[in-house]
Amino acid sequence: GAIPAARLYYVIFEWSRYAQNPERIIAIWEGGIAIHGAII
């Protein structure tokens, strides 16, 4: 529940960075997770 939500939360608010490179959405090892998304 937490890790995908943390990534999704981050990607939603940084969509301009991922719109042109959607394959990077799953590149969680590069960083880019939001603790509030994980808590939710």
ModelCIF file with pLDDT and N, C-alpha, C, O atoms, coordinates in Angstrom:
data_MODEL
#
_entry.id   MODEL 
#
_entity.id                         1 
_entity.type                       polymer 
_entity.pdbx_number_of_molecules   1 
#
_entity_poly.entity_id                      1 
_entity_poly.type                           'polypeptide(L)' 
_entity_poly.nstd_linkage                   no 
_entity_poly.nstd_monomer                   no 
_entity_poly.pdbx_seq_one_letter_code       GAIPAARLYYVIFEWSRYAQNPERIIAIWEGGIAIHGAII 
_entity_poly.pdbx_seq_one_letter_code_can   GAIPAARLYYVIFEWSRYAQNPERIIAIWEGGIAIHGAII 
_entity_poly.pdbx_strand_id                 A 
#
loop_
_entity_poly_seq.entity_id 
_entity_poly_seq.num 
_entity_poly_seq.mon_id 
_entity_poly_seq.hetero 
1 1  GLY n 
1 2  ALA n 
1 3  ILE n 
1 4  PRO n 
1 5  ALA n 
1 6  ALA n 
1 7  ARG n 
1 8  LEU n 
1 9  TYR n 
1 10 TYR n 
1 11 VAL n 
1 12 ILE n 
1 13 PHE n 
1 14 GLU n 
1 15 TRP n 
1 16 SER n 
1 17 ARG n 
1 18 TYR n 
1 19 ALA n 
1 20 GLN n 
1 21 ASN n 
1 22 PRO n 
1 23 GLU n 
1 24 ARG n 
1 25 ILE n 
1 26 ILE n 
1 27 ALA n 
1 28 ILE n 
1 29 TRP n 
1 30 GLU n 
1 31 GLY n 
1 32 GLY n 
1 33 ILE n 
1 34 ALA n 
1 35 ILE n 
1 36 HIS n 
1 37 GLY n 
1 38 ALA n 
1 39 ILE n 
1 40 ILE n 
#
_struct_asym.id          A 
_struct_asym.entity_id   1 
#
loop_
_ma_qa_metric.id 
_ma_qa_metric.mode 
_ma_qa_metric.name 
_ma_qa_metric.software_group_id 
_ma_qa_metric.type 
1 global pLDDT . pLDDT 
2 local  pLDDT . pLDDT 
#
_ma_qa_metric_global.metric_id      1 
_ma_qa_metric_global.metric_value   85.53 
_ma_qa_metric_global.model_id       1 
_ma_qa_metric_global.ordinal_id     1 
#
loop_
_ma_qa_metric_local.label_asym_id 
_ma_qa_metric_local.label_comp_id 
_ma_qa_metric_local.label_seq_id 
_ma_qa_metric_local.metric_id 
_ma_qa_metric_local.metric_value 
_ma_qa_metric_local.model_id 
_ma_qa_metric_local.ordinal_id 
A GLY 1  2 95.00 1 1  
A ALA 2  2 93.00 1 2  
A ILE 3  2 89.00 1 3  
A PRO 4  2 92.00 1 4  
A ALA 5  2 94.00 1 5  
A ALA 6  2 91.00 1 6  
A ARG 7  2 90.00 1 7  
A LEU 8  2 90.00 1 8  
A TYR 9  2 92.00 1 9  
A TYR 10 2 90.00 1 10 
A VAL 11 2 90.00 1 11 
A ILE 12 2 89.00 1 12 
A PHE 13 2 87.00 1 13 
A GLU 14 2 85.00 1 14 
A TRP 15 2 85.00 1 15 
A SER 16 2 81.00 1 16 
A ARG 17 2 81.00 1 17 
A TYR 18 2 87.00 1 18 
A ALA 19 2 82.00 1 19 
A GLN 20 2 82.00 1 20 
A ASN 21 2 82.00 1 21 
A PRO 22 2 84.00 1 22 
A GLU 23 2 81.00 1 23 
A ARG 24 2 80.00 1 24 
A ILE 25 2 83.00 1 25 
A ILE 26 2 81.00 1 26 
A ALA 27 2 78.00 1 27 
A ILE 28 2 74.00 1 28 
A TRP 29 2 66.00 1 29 
A GLU 30 2 68.00 1 30 
A GLY 31 2 65.00 1 31 
A GLY 32 2 76.00 1 32 
A ILE 33 2 82.00 1 33 
A ALA 34 2 90.00 1 34 
A ILE 35 2 92.00 1 35 
A HIS 36 2 94.00 1 36 
A GLY 37 2 95.00 1 37 
A ALA 38 2 94.00 1 38 
A ILE 39 2 95.00 1 39 
A ILE 40 2 96.00 1 40 
#
loop_
_atom_site.group_PDB 
_atom_site.id 
_atom_site.type_symbol 
_atom_site.label_atom_id 
_atom_site.label_alt_id 
_atom_site.label_comp_id 
_atom_site.label_asym_id 
_atom_site.label_entity_id 
_atom_site.label_seq_id 
_atom_site.pdbx_PDB_ins_code 
_atom_site.Cartn_x 
_atom_site.Cartn_y 
_atom_site.Cartn_z 
_atom_site.occupancy 
_atom_site.B_iso_or_equiv 
_atom_site.pdbx_formal_charge 
_atom_site.auth_seq_id 
_atom_site.auth_comp_id 
_atom_site.auth_asym_id 
_atom_site.auth_atom_id 
_atom_site.pdbx_PDB_model_num 
ATOM 1   N N  . GLY A 1 1  ? 0.794  -1.226 0.000   1.00 95.00 ? 1  GLY A N  1 
ATOM 2   C CA . GLY A 1 1  ? 0.000  0.000  0.000   1.00 95.00 ? 1  GLY A CA 1 
ATOM 3   C C  . GLY A 1 1  ? 0.823  1.271  0.000   1.00 95.00 ? 1  GLY A C  1 
ATOM 4   O O  . GLY A 1 1  ? 0.483  2.231  -0.692  1.00 95.00 ? 1  GLY A O  1 
ATOM 5   N N  . ALA A 1 2  ? 1.921  1.290  0.780   1.00 93.00 ? 2  ALA A N  1 
ATOM 6   C CA . ALA A 1 2  ? 2.642  2.543  1.013   1.00 93.00 ? 2  ALA A CA 1 
ATOM 7   C C  . ALA A 1 2  ? 3.587  2.939  -0.122  1.00 93.00 ? 2  ALA A C  1 
ATOM 8   O O  . ALA A 1 2  ? 3.568  4.086  -0.569  1.00 93.00 ? 2  ALA A O  1 
ATOM 9   N N  . ILE A 1 3  ? 4.404  2.009  -0.586  1.00 89.00 ? 3  ILE A N  1 
ATOM 10  C CA . ILE A 1 3  ? 5.432  2.388  -1.558  1.00 89.00 ? 3  ILE A CA 1 
ATOM 11  C C  . ILE A 1 3  ? 4.831  2.828  -2.904  1.00 89.00 ? 3  ILE A C  1 
ATOM 12  O O  . ILE A 1 3  ? 5.225  3.876  -3.417  1.00 89.00 ? 3  ILE A O  1 
ATOM 13  N N  . PRO A 1 4  ? 3.894  2.070  -3.496  1.00 92.00 ? 4  PRO A N  1 
ATOM 14  C CA . PRO A 1 4  ? 3.289  2.570  -4.742  1.00 92.00 ? 4  PRO A CA 1 
ATOM 15  C C  . PRO A 1 4  ? 2.557  3.899  -4.540  1.00 92.00 ? 4  PRO A C  1 
ATOM 16  O O  . PRO A 1 4  ? 2.602  4.769  -5.409  1.00 92.00 ? 4  PRO A O  1 
ATOM 17  N N  . ALA A 1 5  ? 1.879  4.058  -3.389  1.00 94.00 ? 5  ALA A N  1 
ATOM 18  C CA . ALA A 1 5  ? 1.157  5.306  -3.136  1.00 94.00 ? 5  ALA A CA 1 
ATOM 19  C C  . ALA A 1 5  ? 2.126  6.474  -2.991  1.00 94.00 ? 5  ALA A C  1 
ATOM 20  O O  . ALA A 1 5  ? 1.846  7.584  -3.445  1.00 94.00 ? 5  ALA A O  1 
ATOM 21  N N  . ALA A 1 6  ? 3.274  6.215  -2.350  1.00 91.00 ? 6  ALA A N  1 
ATOM 22  C CA . ALA A 1 6  ? 4.281  7.265  -2.192  1.00 91.00 ? 6  ALA A CA 1 
ATOM 23  C C  . ALA A 1 6  ? 4.813  7.714  -3.550  1.00 91.00 ? 6  ALA A C  1 
ATOM 24  O O  . ALA A 1 6  ? 5.023  8.904  -3.783  1.00 91.00 ? 6  ALA A O  1 
ATOM 25  N N  . ARG A 1 7  ? 5.025  6.760  -4.430  1.00 90.00 ? 7  ARG A N  1 
ATOM 26  C CA . ARG A 1 7  ? 5.523  7.096  -5.769  1.00 90.00 ? 7  ARG A CA 1 
ATOM 27  C C  . ARG A 1 7  ? 4.448  7.803  -6.584  1.00 90.00 ? 7  ARG A C  1 
ATOM 28  O O  . ARG A 1 7  ? 4.726  8.793  -7.261  1.00 90.00 ? 7  ARG A O  1 
ATOM 29  N N  . LEU A 1 8  ? 3.213  7.290  -6.519  1.00 90.00 ? 8  LEU A N  1 
ATOM 30  C CA . LEU A 1 8  ? 2.116  7.877  -7.279  1.00 90.00 ? 8  LEU A CA 1 
ATOM 31  C C  . LEU A 1 8  ? 1.868  9.323  -6.855  1.00 90.00 ? 8  LEU A C  1 
ATOM 32  O O  . LEU A 1 8  ? 1.660  10.200 -7.694  1.00 90.00 ? 8  LEU A O  1 
ATOM 33  N N  . TYR A 1 9  ? 1.894  9.559  -5.549  1.00 92.00 ? 9  TYR A N  1 
ATOM 34  C CA . TYR A 1 9  ? 1.708  10.911 -5.011  1.00 92.00 ? 9  TYR A CA 1 
ATOM 35  C C  . TYR A 1 9  ? 2.750  11.859 -5.600  1.00 92.00 ? 9  TYR A C  1 
ATOM 36  O O  . TYR A 1 9  ? 2.421  12.965 -6.027  1.00 92.00 ? 9  TYR A O  1 
ATOM 37  N N  . TYR A 1 10 ? 4.000  11.421 -5.619  1.00 90.00 ? 10 TYR A N  1 
ATOM 38  C CA . TYR A 1 10 ? 5.094  12.243 -6.140  1.00 90.00 ? 10 TYR A CA 1 
ATOM 39  C C  . TYR A 1 10 ? 4.928  12.490 -7.638  1.00 90.00 ? 10 TYR A C  1 
ATOM 40  O O  . TYR A 1 10 ? 5.075  13.621 -8.102  1.00 90.00 ? 10 TYR A O  1 
ATOM 41  N N  . VAL A 1 11 ? 4.623  11.440 -8.391  1.00 90.00 ? 11 VAL A N  1 
ATOM 42  C CA . VAL A 1 11 ? 4.514  11.553 -9.849  1.00 90.00 ? 11 VAL A CA 1 
ATOM 43  C C  . VAL A 1 11 ? 3.374  12.483 -10.239 1.00 90.00 ? 11 VAL A C  1 
ATOM 44  O O  . VAL A 1 11 ? 3.504  13.254 -11.190 1.00 90.00 ? 11 VAL A O  1 
ATOM 45  N N  . ILE A 1 12 ? 2.256  12.420 -9.515  1.00 89.00 ? 12 ILE A N  1 
ATOM 46  C CA . ILE A 1 12 ? 1.107  13.279 -9.826  1.00 89.00 ? 12 ILE A CA 1 
ATOM 47  C C  . ILE A 1 12 ? 1.499  14.753 -9.768  1.00 89.00 ? 12 ILE A C  1 
ATOM 48  O O  . ILE A 1 12 ? 1.143  15.533 -10.651 1.00 89.00 ? 12 ILE A O  1 
ATOM 49  N N  . PHE A 1 13 ? 2.234  15.127 -8.723  1.00 87.00 ? 13 PHE A N  1 
ATOM 50  C CA . PHE A 1 13 ? 2.600  16.525 -8.560  1.00 87.00 ? 13 PHE A CA 1 
ATOM 51  C C  . PHE A 1 13 ? 3.844  16.918 -9.366  1.00 87.00 ? 13 PHE A C  1 
ATOM 52  O O  . PHE A 1 13 ? 4.171  18.101 -9.460  1.00 87.00 ? 13 PHE A O  1 
ATOM 53  N N  . GLU A 1 14 ? 4.530  15.940 -9.941  1.00 85.00 ? 14 GLU A N  1 
ATOM 54  C CA . GLU A 1 14 ? 5.685  16.219 -10.790 1.00 85.00 ? 14 GLU A CA 1 
ATOM 55  C C  . GLU A 1 14 ? 5.456  15.672 -12.197 1.00 85.00 ? 14 GLU A C  1 
ATOM 56  O O  . GLU A 1 14 ? 6.394  15.259 -12.879 1.00 85.00 ? 14 GLU A O  1 
ATOM 57  N N  . TRP A 1 15 ? 4.178  15.677 -12.622 1.00 85.00 ? 15 TRP A N  1 
ATOM 58  C CA . TRP A 1 15 ? 3.824  15.041 -13.888 1.00 85.00 ? 15 TRP A CA 1 
ATOM 59  C C  . TRP A 1 15 ? 4.566  15.641 -15.080 1.00 85.00 ? 15 TRP A C  1 
ATOM 60  O O  . TRP A 1 15 ? 4.855  14.934 -16.046 1.00 85.00 ? 15 TRP A O  1 
ATOM 61  N N  . SER A 1 16 ? 4.873  16.924 -15.022 1.00 81.00 ? 16 SER A N  1 
ATOM 62  C CA . SER A 1 16 ? 5.588  17.546 -16.143 1.00 81.00 ? 16 SER A CA 1 
ATOM 63  C C  . SER A 1 16 ? 6.942  16.896 -16.388 1.00 81.00 ? 16 SER A C  1 
ATOM 64  O O  . SER A 1 16 ? 7.442  16.913 -17.513 1.00 81.00 ? 16 SER A O  1 
ATOM 65  N N  . ARG A 1 17 ? 7.545  16.321 -15.341 1.00 81.00 ? 17 ARG A N  1 
ATOM 66  C CA . ARG A 1 17 ? 8.845  15.651 -15.484 1.00 81.00 ? 17 ARG A CA 1 
ATOM 67  C C  . ARG A 1 17 ? 8.708  14.271 -16.099 1.00 81.00 ? 17 ARG A C  1 
ATOM 68  O O  . ARG A 1 17 ? 9.650  13.768 -16.710 1.00 81.00 ? 17 ARG A O  1 
ATOM 69  N N  . TYR A 1 18 ? 7.539  13.652 -15.943 1.00 87.00 ? 18 TYR A N  1 
ATOM 70  C CA . TYR A 1 18 ? 7.371  12.258 -16.376 1.00 87.00 ? 18 TYR A CA 1 
ATOM 71  C C  . TYR A 1 18 ? 6.502  12.110 -17.624 1.00 87.00 ? 18 TYR A C  1 
ATOM 72  O O  . TYR A 1 18 ? 6.464  11.036 -18.224 1.00 87.00 ? 18 TYR A O  1 
ATOM 73  N N  . ALA A 1 19 ? 5.812  13.163 -18.018 1.00 82.00 ? 19 ALA A N  1 
ATOM 74  C CA . ALA A 1 19 ? 4.910  13.063 -19.168 1.00 82.00 ? 19 ALA A CA 1 
ATOM 75  C C  . ALA A 1 19 ? 5.647  12.657 -20.433 1.00 82.00 ? 19 ALA A C  1 
ATOM 76  O O  . ALA A 1 19 ? 5.130  11.879 -21.235 1.00 82.00 ? 19 ALA A O  1 
ATOM 77  N N  . GLN A 1 20 ? 6.867  13.189 -20.617 1.00 82.00 ? 20 GLN A N  1 
ATOM 78  C CA . GLN A 1 20 ? 7.638  12.874 -21.815 1.00 82.00 ? 20 GLN A CA 1 
ATOM 79  C C  . GLN A 1 20 ? 8.463  11.601 -21.671 1.00 82.00 ? 20 GLN A C  1 
ATOM 80  O O  . GLN A 1 20 ? 8.937  11.042 -22.660 1.00 82.00 ? 20 GLN A O  1 
ATOM 81  N N  . ASN A 1 21 ? 8.629  11.148 -20.426 1.00 82.00 ? 21 ASN A N  1 
ATOM 82  C CA . ASN A 1 21 ? 9.402  9.926  -20.180 1.00 82.00 ? 21 ASN A CA 1 
ATOM 83  C C  . ASN A 1 21 ? 8.656  9.027  -19.198 1.00 82.00 ? 21 ASN A C  1 
ATOM 84  O O  . ASN A 1 21 ? 9.123  8.815  -18.079 1.00 82.00 ? 21 ASN A O  1 
ATOM 85  N N  . PRO A 1 22 ? 7.512  8.499  -19.600 1.00 84.00 ? 22 PRO A N  1 
ATOM 86  C CA . PRO A 1 22 ? 6.688  7.704  -18.679 1.00 84.00 ? 22 PRO A CA 1 
ATOM 87  C C  . PRO A 1 22 ? 7.379  6.443  -18.168 1.00 84.00 ? 22 PRO A C  1 
ATOM 88  O O  . PRO A 1 22 ? 6.990  5.904  -17.132 1.00 84.00 ? 22 PRO A O  1 
ATOM 89  N N  . GLU A 1 23 ? 8.404  5.966  -18.887 1.00 81.00 ? 23 GLU A N  1 
ATOM 90  C CA . GLU A 1 23 ? 9.109  4.769  -18.424 1.00 81.00 ? 23 GLU A CA 1 
ATOM 91  C C  . GLU A 1 23 ? 9.851  5.033  -17.117 1.00 81.00 ? 23 GLU A C  1 
ATOM 92  O O  . GLU A 1 23 ? 10.179 4.093  -16.394 1.00 81.00 ? 23 GLU A O  1 
ATOM 93  N N  . ARG A 1 24 ? 10.117 6.290  -16.809 1.00 80.00 ? 24 ARG A N  1 
ATOM 94  C CA . ARG A 1 24 ? 10.817 6.626  -15.570 1.00 80.00 ? 24 ARG A CA 1 
ATOM 95  C C  . ARG A 1 24 ? 9.895  6.632  -14.356 1.00 80.00 ? 24 ARG A C  1 
ATOM 96  O O  . ARG A 1 24 ? 10.360 6.777  -13.226 1.00 80.00 ? 24 ARG A O  1 
ATOM 97  N N  . ILE A 1 25 ? 8.598  6.478  -14.580 1.00 83.00 ? 25 ILE A N  1 
ATOM 98  C CA . ILE A 1 25 ? 7.654  6.478  -13.460 1.00 83.00 ? 25 ILE A CA 1 
ATOM 99  C C  . ILE A 1 25 ? 7.978  5.371  -12.475 1.00 83.00 ? 25 ILE A C  1 
ATOM 100 O O  . ILE A 1 25 ? 7.835  5.550  -11.265 1.00 83.00 ? 25 ILE A O  1 
ATOM 101 N N  . ILE A 1 26 ? 8.412  4.231  -12.985 1.00 81.00 ? 26 ILE A N  1 
ATOM 102 C CA . ILE A 1 26 ? 8.689  3.099  -12.101 1.00 81.00 ? 26 ILE A CA 1 
ATOM 103 C C  . ILE A 1 26 ? 10.116 3.120  -11.556 1.00 81.00 ? 26 ILE A C  1 
ATOM 104 O O  . ILE A 1 26 ? 10.487 2.237  -10.782 1.00 81.00 ? 26 ILE A O  1 
ATOM 105 N N  . ALA A 1 27 ? 10.921 4.106  -11.942 1.00 78.00 ? 27 ALA A N  1 
ATOM 106 C CA . ALA A 1 27 ? 12.330 4.157  -11.518 1.00 78.00 ? 27 ALA A CA 1 
ATOM 107 C C  . ALA A 1 27 ? 12.435 4.728  -10.106 1.00 78.00 ? 27 ALA A C  1 
ATOM 108 O O  . ALA A 1 27 ? 13.034 5.783  -9.896  1.00 78.00 ? 27 ALA A O  1 
ATOM 109 N N  . ILE A 1 28 ? 11.856 4.032  -9.158  1.00 74.00 ? 28 ILE A N  1 
ATOM 110 C CA . ILE A 1 28 ? 11.818 4.504  -7.780  1.00 74.00 ? 28 ILE A CA 1 
ATOM 111 C C  . ILE A 1 28 ? 13.209 4.548  -7.160  1.00 74.00 ? 28 ILE A C  1 
ATOM 112 O O  . ILE A 1 28 ? 13.442 5.291  -6.207  1.00 74.00 ? 28 ILE A O  1 
ATOM 113 N N  . TRP A 1 29 ? 14.137 3.752  -7.697  1.00 66.00 ? 29 TRP A N  1 
ATOM 114 C CA . TRP A 1 29 ? 15.506 3.725  -7.170  1.00 66.00 ? 29 TRP A CA 1 
ATOM 115 C C  . TRP A 1 29 ? 16.230 5.052  -7.430  1.00 66.00 ? 29 TRP A C  1 
ATOM 116 O O  . TRP A 1 29 ? 17.267 5.312  -6.819  1.00 66.00 ? 29 TRP A O  1 
ATOM 117 N N  . GLU A 1 30 ? 15.708 5.884  -8.313  1.00 68.00 ? 30 GLU A N  1 
ATOM 118 C CA . GLU A 1 30 ? 16.302 7.186  -8.568  1.00 68.00 ? 30 GLU A CA 1 
ATOM 119 C C  . GLU A 1 30 ? 15.857 8.231  -7.542  1.00 68.00 ? 30 GLU A C  1 
ATOM 120 O O  . GLU A 1 30 ? 16.300 9.379  -7.579  1.00 68.00 ? 30 GLU A O  1 
ATOM 121 N N  . GLY A 1 31 ? 14.985 7.821  -6.637  1.00 65.00 ? 31 GLY A N  1 
ATOM 122 C CA . GLY A 1 31 ? 14.414 8.762  -5.687  1.00 65.00 ? 31 GLY A CA 1 
ATOM 123 C C  . GLY A 1 31 ? 13.068 9.240  -6.188  1.00 65.00 ? 31 GLY A C  1 
ATOM 124 O O  . GLY A 1 31 ? 12.623 8.851  -7.268  1.00 65.00 ? 31 GLY A O  1 
ATOM 125 N N  . GLY A 1 32 ? 12.419 10.086 -5.401  1.00 76.00 ? 32 GLY A N  1 
ATOM 126 C CA . GLY A 1 32 ? 11.139 10.613 -5.825  1.00 76.00 ? 32 GLY A CA 1 
ATOM 127 C C  . GLY A 1 32 ? 9.969  9.851  -5.250  1.00 76.00 ? 32 GLY A C  1 
ATOM 128 O O  . GLY A 1 32 ? 9.119  9.359  -5.992  1.00 76.00 ? 32 GLY A O  1 
ATOM 129 N N  . ILE A 1 33 ? 9.917  9.749  -3.923  1.00 82.00 ? 33 ILE A N  1 
ATOM 130 C CA . ILE A 1 33 ? 8.734  9.226  -3.250  1.00 82.00 ? 33 ILE A CA 1 
ATOM 131 C C  . ILE A 1 33 ? 8.340  10.232 -2.186  1.00 82.00 ? 33 ILE A C  1 
ATOM 132 O O  . ILE A 1 33 ? 9.192  10.924 -1.629  1.00 82.00 ? 33 ILE A O  1 
ATOM 133 N N  . ALA A 1 34 ? 7.064  10.312 -1.907  1.00 90.00 ? 34 ALA A N  1 
ATOM 134 C CA . ALA A 1 34 ? 6.544  11.305 -0.960  1.00 90.00 ? 34 ALA A CA 1 
ATOM 135 C C  . ALA A 1 34 ? 6.009  10.594 0.269   1.00 90.00 ? 34 ALA A C  1 
ATOM 136 O O  . ALA A 1 34 ? 5.161  9.708  0.165   1.00 90.00 ? 34 ALA A O  1 
ATOM 137 N N  . ILE A 1 35 ? 6.507  10.986 1.433   1.00 92.00 ? 35 ILE A N  1 
ATOM 138 C CA . ILE A 1 35 ? 6.109  10.316 2.667   1.00 92.00 ? 35 ILE A CA 1 
ATOM 139 C C  . ILE A 1 35 ? 4.618  10.468 2.935   1.00 92.00 ? 35 ILE A C  1 
ATOM 140 O O  . ILE A 1 35 ? 3.996  9.567  3.499   1.00 92.00 ? 35 ILE A O  1 
ATOM 141 N N  . HIS A 1 36 ? 4.038  11.597 2.536   1.00 94.00 ? 36 HIS A N  1 
ATOM 142 C CA . HIS A 1 36 ? 2.601  11.745 2.765   1.00 94.00 ? 36 HIS A CA 1 
ATOM 143 C C  . HIS A 1 36 ? 1.804  10.753 1.925   1.00 94.00 ? 36 HIS A C  1 
ATOM 144 O O  . HIS A 1 36 ? 0.767  10.253 2.362   1.00 94.00 ? 36 HIS A O  1 
ATOM 145 N N  . GLY A 1 37 ? 2.284  10.472 0.732   1.00 95.00 ? 37 GLY A N  1 
ATOM 146 C CA . GLY A 1 37 ? 1.631  9.435  -0.068  1.00 95.00 ? 37 GLY A CA 1 
ATOM 147 C C  . GLY A 1 37 ? 1.755  8.082  0.591   1.00 95.00 ? 37 GLY A C  1 
ATOM 148 O O  . GLY A 1 37 ? 0.813  7.289  0.576   1.00 95.00 ? 37 GLY A O  1 
ATOM 149 N N  . ALA A 1 38 ? 2.936  7.806  1.183   1.00 94.00 ? 38 ALA A N  1 
ATOM 150 C CA . ALA A 1 38 ? 3.141  6.535  1.882   1.00 94.00 ? 38 ALA A CA 1 
ATOM 151 C C  . ALA A 1 38 ? 2.226  6.417  3.093   1.00 94.00 ? 38 ALA A C  1 
ATOM 152 O O  . ALA A 1 38 ? 1.677  5.347  3.354   1.00 94.00 ? 38 ALA A O  1 
ATOM 153 N N  . ILE A 1 39 ? 2.059  7.504  3.833   1.00 95.00 ? 39 ILE A N  1 
ATOM 154 C CA . ILE A 1 39 ? 1.185  7.481  5.005   1.00 95.00 ? 39 ILE A CA 1 
ATOM 155 C C  . ILE A 1 39 ? -0.266 7.220  4.599   1.00 95.00 ? 39 ILE A C  1 
ATOM 156 O O  . ILE A 1 39 ? -0.969 6.436  5.237   1.00 95.00 ? 39 ILE A O  1 
ATOM 157 N N  . ILE A 1 40 ? -0.700 7.887  3.530   1.00 96.00 ? 40 ILE A N  1 
ATOM 158 C CA . ILE A 1 40 ? -2.075 7.679  3.050   1.00 96.00 ? 40 ILE A CA 1 
ATOM 159 C C  . ILE A 1 40 ? -2.270 6.241  2.587   1.00 96.00 ? 40 ILE A C  1 
ATOM 160 O O  . ILE A 1 40 ? -3.361 5.876  2.149   1.00 96.00 ? 40 ILE A O  1 
#
